[in-house]
Amino acid sequence: MNWNRLACALALGALATASAFADEGSSKKFSLLAGVGYTWGGNTLVSIQLDPVSGSSGHTYYEDLSGGAGLDLRLGGQMLVNDRTRLQAMVAYHNDQANGLHGYASYRRVPVELLGHYKVDEHWWLGGGLRKAMFGTFDREAGFTSGGVTLPAQKWDIKFDAALVLEAEYAMNDNWGLKMRAVRERGRFDGDTQKFNADHVGAIVTYYFN
């Protein structure tokens, strides 16, 4: 089974359905959402020595790119099943990077998520679901050094297993929410049999287009 195609089809189908119903005026049940946040965690994929952009006046330092870390940007759709239950489908851009005077490296993936939540009181939603990260890449430009060795430019593809998501969201009002989440995830560099830990926790500010 091609998990990438299946995850894309499910997410795009859910988003298209939500958008179509919203256009028909069913805004109480269907809505679009957008979010931005940051996550932390996972194995260190690489620790890179950086020369700061300020040049010789700055101090050389190290920055880690980790399996679960990065900026999270997302778009999605939501369906309210009833007053207490909702379903969400989202596509995200998850990126961690290191920037220096002589080089740039990035760790990118595009997760698709299908989630369900239950409203426990006026402000809190609890739930979770499944996540499948796709199009994973680790891209390193020439110029970085590691352990005193200058590293050549190189790019790797990364594959991810389906992952489990647990979430709690605090609804500040009808439009704004704050998601706090934990994800159990594993990935591997293409051609490598050993998997790395991409587990992470994070916070995402969400806006609902009601």
Protein backbone atom coordinates (compact mmCIF):
# COMPACT_ATOMS: atom_id res chain seq x y z
CA MET A 1 0.00 0.00 0.00
CA ASN A 2 1.30 3.48 -0.90
CA TRP A 3 0.85 5.37 2.38
CA ASN A 4 1.88 8.71 0.87
CA ARG A 5 -0.84 8.59 -1.77
CA LEU A 6 -3.44 7.32 0.69
CA ALA A 7 -2.68 10.06 3.23
CA CYS A 8 -2.77 12.75 0.53
CA ALA A 9 -6.06 11.46 -0.85
CA LEU A 10 -7.72 11.33 2.58
CA ALA A 11 -6.56 14.82 3.58
CA LEU A 12 -7.40 16.45 0.26
CA GLY A 13 -10.79 14.75 0.23
CA ALA A 14 -11.56 15.96 3.75
CA LEU A 15 -10.45 19.51 2.95
CA ALA A 16 -12.44 19.60 -0.28
CA THR A 17 -15.56 18.36 1.51
CA ALA A 18 -15.22 20.93 4.28
CA SER A 19 -14.65 23.72 1.78
CA ALA A 20 -17.64 22.70 -0.33
CA PHE A 21 -20.01 22.60 2.63
CA ALA A 22 -18.68 25.91 3.93
CA ASP A 23 -19.38 27.49 0.53
CA GLU A 24 -22.97 26.25 0.75
CA GLY A 25 -23.47 28.17 3.96
CA SER A 26 -23.03 25.39 6.52
CA SER A 27 -20.46 27.45 8.39
CA LYS A 28 -21.61 26.17 11.78
CA LYS A 29 -20.56 22.65 10.88
CA PHE A 30 -17.70 23.16 8.45
CA SER A 31 -14.84 25.63 8.61
CA LEU A 32 -11.28 26.14 7.47
CA LEU A 33 -8.35 26.68 9.83
CA ALA A 34 -4.73 27.82 9.77
CA GLY A 35 -1.98 27.48 12.35
CA VAL A 36 1.61 28.32 13.20
CA GLY A 37 3.75 26.83 15.95
CA TYR A 38 7.00 25.16 16.96
CA THR A 39 8.00 21.69 18.11
CA TRP A 40 10.91 20.21 20.08
CA GLY A 41 12.31 16.69 20.44
CA GLY A 42 13.72 13.64 18.70
CA ASN A 43 17.23 12.41 18.04
CA THR A 44 19.92 14.87 16.98
CA LEU A 45 20.37 14.28 13.25
CA VAL A 46 23.45 16.46 12.97
CA SER A 47 25.33 19.02 15.07
CA ILE A 48 26.72 21.67 12.74
CA GLN A 49 29.48 24.18 13.42
CA LEU A 50 28.34 27.64 12.31
CA ASP A 51 30.18 30.85 11.58
CA PRO A 52 27.72 33.65 12.40
CA VAL A 53 26.46 35.99 9.70
CA SER A 54 28.19 38.84 11.56
CA GLY A 55 31.49 37.36 10.36
CA SER A 56 34.78 37.44 12.23
CA SER A 57 33.37 39.66 14.99
CA GLY A 58 31.04 36.82 16.08
CA HIS A 59 31.84 33.59 17.86
CA THR A 60 31.64 30.19 16.18
CA TYR A 61 28.85 28.09 17.69
CA TYR A 62 27.03 24.78 17.17
CA GLU A 63 23.43 24.20 16.22
CA ASP A 64 21.58 20.86 16.26
CA LEU A 65 18.98 19.72 13.73
CA SER A 66 16.69 17.27 15.54
CA GLY A 67 14.26 14.62 14.31
CA GLY A 68 11.18 16.21 15.88
CA ALA A 69 12.06 19.91 15.93
CA GLY A 70 11.01 22.76 13.70
CA LEU A 71 8.61 25.47 12.67
CA ASP A 72 5.11 24.13 11.95
CA LEU A 73 2.86 25.94 9.42
CA ARG A 74 -0.51 24.36 8.60
CA LEU A 75 -3.85 24.62 6.79
CA GLY A 76 -6.87 22.41 7.26
CA GLY A 77 -10.58 21.86 7.55
CA GLN A 78 -12.85 21.09 10.49
CA MET A 79 -16.22 19.33 10.73
CA LEU A 80 -18.35 19.60 13.88
CA VAL A 81 -20.10 16.25 14.27
CA ASN A 82 -22.15 17.58 17.20
CA ASP A 83 -21.75 20.05 20.08
CA ARG A 84 -19.09 17.86 21.72
CA THR A 85 -17.27 16.13 18.86
CA ARG A 86 -15.25 17.37 15.88
CA LEU A 87 -13.02 16.00 13.12
CA GLN A 88 -10.03 17.82 11.58
CA ALA A 89 -7.88 17.19 8.51
CA MET A 90 -4.65 19.19 8.08
CA VAL A 91 -1.61 19.50 5.86
CA ALA A 92 1.50 21.08 7.41
CA TYR A 93 4.97 22.29 6.43
CA HIS A 94 7.41 21.25 9.18
CA ASN A 95 10.91 22.73 8.88
CA ASP A 96 14.07 22.95 10.99
CA GLN A 97 17.16 24.73 9.66
CA ALA A 98 20.60 26.10 10.47
CA ASN A 99 22.01 29.27 8.88
CA GLY A 100 25.60 30.47 8.95
CA LEU A 101 27.94 32.73 7.03
CA HIS A 102 29.28 29.90 4.85
CA GLY A 103 26.43 27.43 4.68
CA TYR A 104 22.80 26.46 5.12
CA ALA A 105 21.11 23.19 6.09
CA SER A 106 17.42 22.31 6.34
CA TYR A 107 15.31 19.36 7.49
CA ARG A 108 11.85 19.46 5.90
CA ARG A 109 8.74 17.29 5.81
CA VAL A 110 5.06 17.70 4.84
CA PRO A 111 2.81 15.94 7.37
CA VAL A 112 -0.82 15.06 6.74
CA GLU A 113 -2.97 14.64 9.86
CA LEU A 114 -6.46 13.26 10.56
CA LEU A 115 -7.64 14.13 14.08
CA GLY A 116 -10.69 13.86 16.31
CA HIS A 117 -11.45 15.82 19.50
CA TYR A 118 -14.01 15.79 22.32
CA LYS A 119 -15.07 19.00 24.10
CA VAL A 120 -14.72 18.47 27.84
CA ASP A 121 -15.81 21.97 28.93
CA GLU A 122 -16.32 25.50 27.60
CA HIS A 123 -12.67 25.98 26.60
CA TRP A 124 -10.94 22.59 26.32
CA TRP A 125 -10.85 20.03 23.50
CA LEU A 126 -9.02 16.71 24.01
CA GLY A 127 -8.20 14.09 21.39
CA GLY A 128 -5.73 12.90 18.82
CA GLY A 129 -5.33 10.90 15.66
CA LEU A 130 -2.88 9.83 12.99
CA ARG A 131 -0.09 11.64 11.15
CA LYS A 132 1.89 10.67 8.06
CA ALA A 133 4.88 12.87 7.18
CA MET A 134 5.82 12.89 3.48
CA PHE A 135 8.41 14.43 1.14
CA GLY A 136 11.04 14.40 3.89
CA THR A 137 14.43 15.85 2.92
CA PHE A 138 17.67 16.80 4.61
CA ASP A 139 19.48 19.37 2.46
CA ARG A 140 22.97 20.64 3.26
CA GLU A 141 24.82 23.27 1.25
CA ALA A 142 28.61 23.29 0.99
CA GLY A 143 30.58 25.25 3.57
CA PHE A 144 29.62 23.71 6.91
CA THR A 145 32.21 22.05 9.09
CA SER A 146 31.70 19.21 11.56
CA GLY A 147 34.49 17.94 13.81
CA GLY A 148 36.97 20.14 11.97
CA VAL A 149 36.04 18.66 8.56
CA THR A 150 34.44 20.79 5.81
CA LEU A 151 31.27 19.07 4.61
CA PRO A 152 30.29 18.87 0.91
CA ALA A 153 26.84 19.79 -0.38
CA GLN A 154 24.47 16.83 -0.14
CA LYS A 155 20.75 16.00 -0.07
CA TRP A 156 18.99 12.98 1.46
CA ASP A 157 15.39 11.78 1.17
CA ILE A 158 13.68 10.74 4.41
CA LYS A 159 10.81 8.27 4.90
CA PHE A 160 8.48 8.35 7.91
CA ASP A 161 6.22 5.77 9.56
CA ALA A 162 2.62 6.62 10.37
CA ALA A 163 2.61 8.43 13.73
CA LEU A 164 0.29 8.83 16.71
CA VAL A 165 -0.82 12.35 17.75
CA LEU A 166 -2.25 13.38 21.15
CA GLU A 167 -3.63 16.90 21.54
CA ALA A 168 -5.23 19.31 23.98
CA GLU A 169 -6.52 22.60 22.63
CA TYR A 170 -7.56 25.65 24.64
CA ALA A 171 -10.21 27.70 22.82
CA MET A 172 -9.58 31.36 23.66
CA ASN A 173 -12.68 32.40 21.69
CA ASP A 174 -14.63 31.27 18.60
CA ASN A 175 -11.68 32.02 16.30
CA TRP A 176 -8.45 31.50 18.26
CA GLY A 177 -7.11 28.34 19.87
CA LEU A 178 -3.84 27.07 21.33
CA LYS A 179 -2.96 23.44 20.58
CA MET A 180 -0.54 21.57 22.84
CA ARG A 181 0.54 18.26 21.38
CA ALA A 182 2.73 15.20 21.65
CA VAL A 183 3.64 13.05 18.62
CA ARG A 184 5.24 9.60 18.52
CA GLU A 185 7.06 9.33 15.18
CA ARG A 186 9.91 7.41 13.51
CA GLY A 187 11.85 8.23 10.34
CA ARG A 188 14.79 6.89 8.37
CA PHE A 189 17.11 8.19 5.70
CA ASP A 190 16.39 6.59 2.32
CA GLY A 191 18.61 3.55 1.87
CA ASP A 192 19.26 3.23 5.61
CA THR A 193 17.57 0.48 7.63
CA GLN A 194 18.08 2.17 11.01
CA LYS A 195 15.26 4.48 12.12
CA PHE A 196 15.69 7.69 14.10
CA ASN A 197 13.44 9.07 16.81
CA ALA A 198 11.26 11.94 15.54
CA ASP A 199 9.06 12.15 18.67
CA HIS A 200 8.18 15.71 19.61
CA VAL A 201 6.05 18.03 21.70
CA GLY A 202 4.88 21.42 20.53
CA ALA A 203 2.49 24.34 20.68
CA ILE A 204 0.45 25.65 17.74
CA VAL A 205 -1.64 28.83 17.61
CA THR A 206 -4.71 28.10 15.48
CA TYR A 207 -7.17 30.43 13.73
CA TYR A 208 -10.63 29.18 12.72
CA PHE A 209 -12.36 30.90 9.80
CA ASN A 210 -15.91 30.76 11.17
